[in-house]
Amino acid sequence: MLATDIDTNTQHFKEQFALRSLIQGGMALRGVWQLKKLIVSYSDWGGSSRGIRAFMESHLPAFKEANPQLEVVTELIRGQHPHLKGYYKNKNERVVCVRNMTPEDVLLHATRLRNSIGRKVVKLKTRHPTKHPSVQGTWTTAMEL
């Protein structure tokens, strides 16, 4: 395979994944969608908003149609980079900057916002958190018996 074949296959996979996840749906907590509102903020003259403006023309109507439970609002903000802002039922919000992205990448980020539950990301201190850690220590591959 040539490098161009791999690039086209990767691009094709990203497009198919985005469209499939758009149609099939995603995550919900106990059958209830957690994302309540999605705000699409863009600039009508900024160059970094070119991808999100194309997304609004091509992919946003289908995204709204596929997600009737979601309130989608477009917001014009001049002189700022475009972003997607999601409001969740647990009062959290997430903001994703989408400057200089293609319409397919913007669709992928909007789908990820819709699929996420909205919880804050908590960094784990160890790879395997337990209530009772091992007294003998953590096993590694460098251990000698």
C-alpha atoms as a PDB file:
ATOM      1  CA  MET A   1       0.000   0.000   0.000  1.00  0.00           C
ATOM      2  CA  LEU A   2       1.131   3.507  -0.718  1.00  0.00           C
ATOM      3  CA  ALA A   3       1.073   6.335   1.787  1.00  0.00           C
ATOM      4  CA  THR A   4      -1.711   8.055  -0.185  1.00  0.00           C
ATOM      5  CA  ASP A   5      -3.830   4.898   0.012  1.00  0.00           C
ATOM      6  CA  ILE A   6      -3.436   4.849   3.783  1.00  0.00           C
ATOM      7  CA  ASP A   7      -4.364   8.543   4.026  1.00  0.00           C
ATOM      8  CA  THR A   8      -7.485   8.076   1.890  1.00  0.00           C
ATOM      9  CA  ASN A   9      -8.458   4.959   3.874  1.00  0.00           C
ATOM     10  CA  THR A  10      -8.032   6.877   7.145  1.00  0.00           C
ATOM     11  CA  GLN A  11     -10.092   9.791   5.844  1.00  0.00           C
ATOM     12  CA  HIS A  12     -12.774   7.401   4.579  1.00  0.00           C
ATOM     13  CA  PHE A  13     -12.860   5.663   7.979  1.00  0.00           C
ATOM     14  CA  LYS A  14     -13.258   9.008   9.813  1.00  0.00           C
ATOM     15  CA  GLU A  15     -16.138  10.019   7.540  1.00  0.00           C
ATOM     16  CA  GLN A  16     -17.878   6.664   7.901  1.00  0.00           C
ATOM     17  CA  PHE A  17     -17.430   6.710  11.698  1.00  0.00           C
ATOM     18  CA  ALA A  18     -18.862  10.216  11.987  1.00  0.00           C
ATOM     19  CA  LEU A  19     -21.862   9.435   9.797  1.00  0.00           C
ATOM     20  CA  ARG A  20     -22.503   6.071  11.488  1.00  0.00           C
ATOM     21  CA  SER A  21     -22.383   7.574  14.985  1.00  0.00           C
ATOM     22  CA  LEU A  22     -24.608  10.411  13.811  1.00  0.00           C
ATOM     23  CA  ILE A  23     -27.280   7.995  12.616  1.00  0.00           C
ATOM     24  CA  GLN A  24     -27.011   5.238  15.235  1.00  0.00           C
ATOM     25  CA  GLY A  25     -26.990   7.412  18.305  1.00  0.00           C
ATOM     26  CA  GLY A  26     -24.647   7.252  21.225  1.00  0.00           C
ATOM     27  CA  MET A  27     -24.452   7.200  24.976  1.00  0.00           C
ATOM     28  CA  ALA A  28     -27.219   7.962  27.365  1.00  0.00           C
ATOM     29  CA  LEU A  29     -27.390   7.495  31.110  1.00  0.00           C
ATOM     30  CA  ARG A  30     -30.234   5.109  31.984  1.00  0.00           C
ATOM     31  CA  GLY A  31     -31.861   5.783  28.629  1.00  0.00           C
ATOM     32  CA  VAL A  32     -31.877   9.576  29.093  1.00  0.00           C
ATOM     33  CA  TRP A  33     -29.738  11.783  26.875  1.00  0.00           C
ATOM     34  CA  GLN A  34     -27.509  13.959  29.031  1.00  0.00           C
ATOM     35  CA  LEU A  35     -26.751  16.781  26.570  1.00  0.00           C
ATOM     36  CA  LYS A  36     -29.560  19.346  26.722  1.00  0.00           C
ATOM     37  CA  LYS A  37     -28.259  22.187  24.596  1.00  0.00           C
ATOM     38  CA  LEU A  38     -25.526  22.626  22.000  1.00  0.00           C
ATOM     39  CA  ILE A  39     -24.417  26.137  21.084  1.00  0.00           C
ATOM     40  CA  VAL A  40     -22.519  26.527  17.806  1.00  0.00           C
ATOM     41  CA  SER A  41     -20.562  29.803  17.965  1.00  0.00           C
ATOM     42  CA  TYR A  42     -18.914  31.152  14.822  1.00  0.00           C
ATOM     43  CA  SER A  43     -17.742  34.303  13.080  1.00  0.00           C
ATOM     44  CA  ASP A  44     -19.214  35.281   9.723  1.00  0.00           C
ATOM     45  CA  TRP A  45     -15.985  36.814   8.404  1.00  0.00           C
ATOM     46  CA  GLY A  46     -13.136  35.092  10.313  1.00  0.00           C
ATOM     47  CA  GLY A  47     -10.938  32.646   8.417  1.00  0.00           C
ATOM     48  CA  SER A  48     -10.781  30.216  11.334  1.00  0.00           C
ATOM     49  CA  SER A  49     -14.580  29.800  11.110  1.00  0.00           C
ATOM     50  CA  ARG A  50     -14.534  28.558   7.509  1.00  0.00           C
ATOM     51  CA  GLY A  51     -14.959  24.909   8.519  1.00  0.00           C
ATOM     52  CA  ILE A  52     -17.776  25.532  10.982  1.00  0.00           C
ATOM     53  CA  ARG A  53     -19.668  27.654   8.442  1.00  0.00           C
ATOM     54  CA  ALA A  54     -19.437  24.776   5.950  1.00  0.00           C
ATOM     55  CA  PHE A  55     -20.537  22.402   8.741  1.00  0.00           C
ATOM     56  CA  MET A  56     -23.607  24.560   9.376  1.00  0.00           C
ATOM     57  CA  GLU A  57     -24.586  24.400   5.712  1.00  0.00           C
ATOM     58  CA  SER A  58     -23.923  20.726   5.072  1.00  0.00           C
ATOM     59  CA  HIS A  59     -24.051  18.659   8.292  1.00  0.00           C
ATOM     60  CA  LEU A  60     -25.989  20.684  10.877  1.00  0.00           C
ATOM     61  CA  PRO A  61     -29.502  20.171   9.412  1.00  0.00           C
ATOM     62  CA  ALA A  62     -29.009  16.393   9.388  1.00  0.00           C
ATOM     63  CA  PHE A  63     -27.542  16.531  12.907  1.00  0.00           C
ATOM     64  CA  LYS A  64     -30.602  18.433  14.166  1.00  0.00           C
ATOM     65  CA  GLU A  65     -32.922  15.988  12.441  1.00  0.00           C
ATOM     66  CA  ALA A  66     -31.164  12.961  13.917  1.00  0.00           C
ATOM     67  CA  ASN A  67     -31.205  14.454  17.436  1.00  0.00           C
ATOM     68  CA  PRO A  68     -34.684  15.844  18.187  1.00  0.00           C
ATOM     69  CA  GLN A  69     -34.013  15.679  21.959  1.00  0.00           C
ATOM     70  CA  LEU A  70     -31.223  18.235  21.576  1.00  0.00           C
ATOM     71  CA  GLU A  71     -31.671  21.994  21.384  1.00  0.00           C
ATOM     72  CA  VAL A  72     -29.152  23.305  18.844  1.00  0.00           C
ATOM     73  CA  VAL A  73     -28.539  27.065  18.791  1.00  0.00           C
ATOM     74  CA  THR A  74     -26.236  29.013  16.463  1.00  0.00           C
ATOM     75  CA  GLU A  75     -24.549  32.099  17.838  1.00  0.00           C
ATOM     76  CA  LEU A  76     -22.720  34.750  15.840  1.00  0.00           C
ATOM     77  CA  ILE A  77     -19.613  36.038  17.647  1.00  0.00           C
ATOM     78  CA  ARG A  78     -17.409  38.281  15.563  1.00  0.00           C
ATOM     79  CA  GLY A  79     -13.678  38.459  16.110  1.00  0.00           C
ATOM     80  CA  GLN A  80     -13.513  35.213  18.142  1.00  0.00           C
ATOM     81  CA  HIS A  81     -12.510  31.681  17.250  1.00  0.00           C
ATOM     82  CA  PRO A  82     -15.394  29.252  16.690  1.00  0.00           C
ATOM     83  CA  HIS A  83     -16.355  26.787  19.384  1.00  0.00           C
ATOM     84  CA  LEU A  84     -19.005  24.278  20.386  1.00  0.00           C
ATOM     85  CA  LYS A  85     -20.488  24.564  23.859  1.00  0.00           C
ATOM     86  CA  GLY A  86     -22.536  21.762  25.383  1.00  0.00           C
ATOM     87  CA  TYR A  87     -24.817  22.107  28.413  1.00  0.00           C
ATOM     88  CA  TYR A  88     -25.634  18.892  30.286  1.00  0.00           C
ATOM     89  CA  LYS A  89     -28.431  17.884  32.667  1.00  0.00           C
ATOM     90  CA  ASN A  90     -26.022  17.688  35.612  1.00  0.00           C
ATOM     91  CA  LYS A  91     -25.328  21.454  35.257  1.00  0.00           C
ATOM     92  CA  ASN A  92     -21.890  20.924  33.695  1.00  0.00           C
ATOM     93  CA  GLU A  93     -20.760  22.457  30.454  1.00  0.00           C
ATOM     94  CA  ARG A  94     -18.031  21.588  27.971  1.00  0.00           C
ATOM     95  CA  VAL A  95     -16.443  23.880  25.424  1.00  0.00           C
ATOM     96  CA  VAL A  96     -14.537  22.578  22.385  1.00  0.00           C
ATOM     97  CA  CYS A  97     -12.555  24.950  20.178  1.00  0.00           C
ATOM     98  CA  VAL A  98     -13.035  24.058  16.498  1.00  0.00           C
ATOM     99  CA  ARG A  99     -10.891  26.679  14.789  1.00  0.00           C
ATOM    100  CA  ASN A 100      -9.479  25.759  11.367  1.00  0.00           C
ATOM    101  CA  MET A 101     -11.211  22.342  11.390  1.00  0.00           C
ATOM    102  CA  THR A 102     -12.922  20.649   8.473  1.00  0.00           C
ATOM    103  CA  PRO A 103     -16.722  20.208   8.558  1.00  0.00           C
ATOM    104  CA  GLU A 104     -16.255  16.468   9.187  1.00  0.00           C
ATOM    105  CA  ASP A 105     -14.042  17.152  12.215  1.00  0.00           C
ATOM    106  CA  VAL A 106     -16.594  19.628  13.580  1.00  0.00           C
ATOM    107  CA  LEU A 107     -19.288  16.953  13.144  1.00  0.00           C
ATOM    108  CA  LEU A 108     -17.070  14.481  14.999  1.00  0.00           C
ATOM    109  CA  HIS A 109     -16.637  16.886  17.936  1.00  0.00           C
ATOM    110  CA  ALA A 110     -20.371  17.678  18.030  1.00  0.00           C
ATOM    111  CA  THR A 111     -21.124  13.952  18.079  1.00  0.00           C
ATOM    112  CA  ARG A 112     -18.614  13.403  20.886  1.00  0.00           C
ATOM    113  CA  LEU A 113     -20.242  16.155  22.927  1.00  0.00           C
ATOM    114  CA  ARG A 114     -23.630  14.542  22.363  1.00  0.00           C
ATOM    115  CA  ASN A 115     -22.339  11.084  23.295  1.00  0.00           C
ATOM    116  CA  SER A 116     -20.559  12.114  26.493  1.00  0.00           C
ATOM    117  CA  ILE A 117     -22.298  12.030  29.845  1.00  0.00           C
ATOM    118  CA  GLY A 118     -20.945  15.394  30.966  1.00  0.00           C
ATOM    119  CA  ARG A 119     -19.038  14.326  34.051  1.00  0.00           C
ATOM    120  CA  LYS A 120     -15.794  16.031  34.915  1.00  0.00           C
ATOM    121  CA  VAL A 121     -12.677  14.088  33.986  1.00  0.00           C
ATOM    122  CA  VAL A 122     -10.902  12.780  37.086  1.00  0.00           C
ATOM    123  CA  LYS A 123      -7.254  11.802  36.795  1.00  0.00           C
ATOM    124  CA  LEU A 124      -6.491   8.450  38.401  1.00  0.00           C
ATOM    125  CA  LYS A 125      -3.442   8.247  40.667  1.00  0.00           C
ATOM    126  CA  THR A 126      -2.707   4.638  39.721  1.00  0.00           C
ATOM    127  CA  ARG A 127      -3.566   2.437  36.785  1.00  0.00           C
ATOM    128  CA  HIS A 128      -5.678   0.145  38.952  1.00  0.00           C
ATOM    129  CA  PRO A 129      -7.464   1.941  41.804  1.00  0.00           C
ATOM    130  CA  THR A 130      -8.524  -0.313  44.691  1.00  0.00           C
ATOM    131  CA  LYS A 131      -9.670   0.144  48.267  1.00  0.00           C
ATOM    132  CA  HIS A 132      -7.046  -2.303  49.555  1.00  0.00           C
ATOM    133  CA  PRO A 133      -3.737  -1.926  47.697  1.00  0.00           C
ATOM    134  CA  SER A 134      -1.297  -4.820  47.690  1.00  0.00           C
ATOM    135  CA  VAL A 135       1.015  -5.061  50.699  1.00  0.00           C
ATOM    136  CA  GLN A 136       3.631  -6.848  48.605  1.00  0.00           C
ATOM    137  CA  GLY A 137       3.923  -4.012  46.074  1.00  0.00           C
ATOM    138  CA  THR A 138       2.984  -3.616  42.449  1.00  0.00           C
ATOM    139  CA  TRP A 139       4.064  -6.301  40.013  1.00  0.00           C
ATOM    140  CA  THR A 140       6.237  -5.228  37.093  1.00  0.00           C
ATOM    141  CA  THR A 141       7.848  -7.051  34.203  1.00  0.00           C
ATOM    142  CA  ALA A 142      11.324  -6.226  35.554  1.00  0.00           C
ATOM    143  CA  MET A 143      10.768  -8.352  38.699  1.00  0.00           C
ATOM    144  CA  GLU A 144      13.164 -11.206  39.254  1.00  0.00           C
ATOM    145  CA  LEU A 145      12.079 -14.309  41.120  1.00  0.00           C
END
